[in-house]
Amino acid sequence: QVQLVESGGGLVQPGGSLRLSCTTSGIVFSFYVMGWYRQAPGKQRELVASITTGSRTNYANSASGRFTISRDNAKNTVYLQMNSLKPEDTAVYYCNANIPGRGDDYWGQGTQVTVAS
C-alpha cells in the first residue's frame, strides 16, 4: 500500500518559515520524481516545486528564491523549506510522487499552511 504522509504545516506570521516533510512508503522512493503542490480556496492546484531522481529542481515563479525542495532517499522523504512566507502562500500543500510516462502517480492527504499575523 502506497502512502505519502505530509507534516510540518501550521500557522506562521508573514516573513516566517516552515519546513514541510513528506515521508513515503510502499514505493521505491528513489525512482520517483517528487513534487510539492498547493491549492488555495477557490483556486486550482498548482505546482510549487519538484525534484527529479537526480535531484534537479524546478520552482514556480512564486516560490523561486524563497522555497527550497530537497530529498533524502535514505529516509524516503522529500522536504520543502519555505522562507519569507507571505499571506498568499496560504494553502493546503500536497506531496506528489510520480514516474513520468507511467501510470505511477500518488498524492498525500495534504497539510494546511496559513500565513497570517
Protein backbone atom coordinates (compact mmCIF):
# COMPACT_ATOMS: atom_id res chain seq x y z
CA GLN A 1 0.00 0.00 0.00
CA VAL A 2 1.40 3.35 -1.09
CA GLN A 3 1.34 6.14 1.47
CA LEU A 4 2.56 9.71 1.32
CA VAL A 5 2.30 11.48 4.66
CA GLU A 6 2.88 15.23 4.87
CA SER A 7 3.73 17.07 8.04
CA GLY A 8 5.04 20.43 9.17
CA GLY A 9 2.19 22.70 8.22
CA GLY A 10 0.70 25.25 10.57
CA LEU A 11 0.11 28.90 11.28
CA VAL A 12 3.01 31.29 10.77
CA GLN A 13 3.36 35.06 10.63
CA PRO A 14 4.31 36.83 7.42
CA GLY A 15 8.07 36.66 6.95
CA GLY A 16 8.30 33.43 8.90
CA SER A 17 9.46 29.99 7.87
CA LEU A 18 8.12 26.46 7.79
CA ARG A 19 9.59 23.15 6.74
CA LEU A 20 7.26 20.61 5.24
CA SER A 21 8.10 16.92 5.13
CA CYS A 22 6.58 14.12 3.09
CA THR A 23 7.51 10.59 4.08
CA THR A 24 6.61 7.80 1.71
CA SER A 25 6.11 4.08 1.96
CA GLY A 26 5.14 1.37 -0.50
CA ILE A 27 7.19 2.80 -3.36
CA VAL A 28 10.82 2.71 -4.42
CA PHE A 29 11.31 6.34 -3.49
CA SER A 30 14.50 6.87 -5.49
CA PHE A 31 12.65 6.01 -8.73
CA TYR A 32 10.14 8.85 -8.36
CA VAL A 33 10.04 12.49 -9.25
CA MET A 34 8.75 14.23 -6.15
CA GLY A 35 6.73 17.39 -6.12
CA TRP A 36 5.01 19.82 -3.81
CA TYR A 37 1.74 21.33 -4.96
CA ARG A 38 -0.64 23.69 -3.26
CA GLN A 39 -4.28 24.59 -3.52
CA ALA A 40 -5.76 27.76 -2.10
CA PRO A 41 -9.51 28.14 -1.55
CA GLY A 42 -11.29 28.71 -4.84
CA LYS A 43 -8.15 28.12 -6.89
CA GLN A 44 -6.72 25.25 -8.88
CA ARG A 45 -3.96 23.09 -7.54
CA GLU A 46 -0.60 24.37 -8.71
CA LEU A 47 2.94 23.10 -8.75
CA VAL A 48 5.21 24.75 -6.19
CA ALA A 49 8.42 22.79 -6.67
CA SER A 50 9.67 19.48 -7.96
CA ILE A 51 12.83 17.42 -7.71
CA THR A 52 13.94 14.69 -10.08
CA THR A 53 15.58 11.39 -9.28
CA GLY A 54 18.89 13.11 -9.97
CA SER A 55 17.95 16.00 -7.62
CA ARG A 56 17.37 18.52 -10.37
CA THR A 57 14.94 21.07 -9.03
CA ASN A 58 12.22 23.21 -10.56
CA TYR A 59 10.27 26.03 -8.92
CA ALA A 60 7.19 28.04 -9.64
CA ASN A 61 7.98 31.72 -10.08
CA SER A 62 6.14 32.45 -6.83
CA ALA A 63 8.42 30.08 -4.92
CA SER A 64 11.76 30.75 -6.56
CA GLY A 65 14.25 32.33 -4.19
CA ARG A 66 12.15 31.66 -1.10
CA PHE A 67 11.45 27.92 -1.13
CA THR A 68 13.88 25.01 -1.35
CA ILE A 69 12.92 21.45 -2.20
CA SER A 70 15.21 18.58 -1.25
CA ARG A 71 15.07 14.82 -0.92
CA ASP A 72 16.63 12.19 1.28
CA ASN A 73 16.45 8.84 -0.49
CA ALA A 74 17.69 7.01 2.60
CA LYS A 75 14.69 8.31 4.55
CA ASN A 76 12.18 8.11 1.67
CA THR A 77 11.37 11.73 2.41
CA VAL A 78 11.05 14.94 0.47
CA TYR A 79 11.19 18.36 2.12
CA LEU A 80 10.05 21.86 1.32
CA GLN A 81 11.80 24.63 3.21
CA MET A 82 9.69 27.76 2.97
CA ASN A 83 11.15 31.10 3.97
CA SER A 84 9.87 34.67 3.81
CA LEU A 85 6.32 33.41 3.80
CA LYS A 86 3.55 35.66 2.54
CA PRO A 87 -0.21 35.59 3.14
CA GLU A 88 -0.65 34.50 -0.47
CA ASP A 89 1.26 31.30 0.35
CA THR A 90 -1.72 30.20 2.44
CA ALA A 91 -2.98 26.92 1.01
CA VAL A 92 -3.16 23.20 1.50
CA TYR A 93 0.17 21.75 0.43
CA TYR A 94 0.24 18.33 -1.19
CA CYS A 95 3.07 15.93 -1.83
CA ASN A 96 3.18 14.04 -5.13
CA ALA A 97 5.23 11.12 -6.34
CA ASN A 98 5.27 10.19 -10.00
CA ILE A 99 7.25 8.46 -12.69
CA PRO A 100 6.85 10.47 -15.90
CA GLY A 101 5.38 8.48 -18.76
CA ARG A 102 3.96 5.81 -16.49
CA GLY A 103 0.80 5.47 -14.50
CA ASP A 104 2.60 5.74 -11.20
CA ASP A 105 1.19 8.88 -9.64
CA TYR A 106 0.46 9.22 -5.94
CA TRP A 107 -0.71 12.01 -3.65
CA GLY A 108 -0.61 12.72 0.04
CA GLN A 109 -3.55 13.94 2.05
CA GLY A 110 -2.26 17.50 2.32
CA THR A 111 -1.12 19.78 5.11
CA GLN A 112 -2.52 23.23 5.81
CA VAL A 113 -0.21 26.23 5.73
CA THR A 114 -1.67 29.51 6.95
CA VAL A 115 0.32 32.74 6.82
CA ALA A 116 -1.33 35.45 8.88
CA SER A 117 -0.46 38.00 11.55
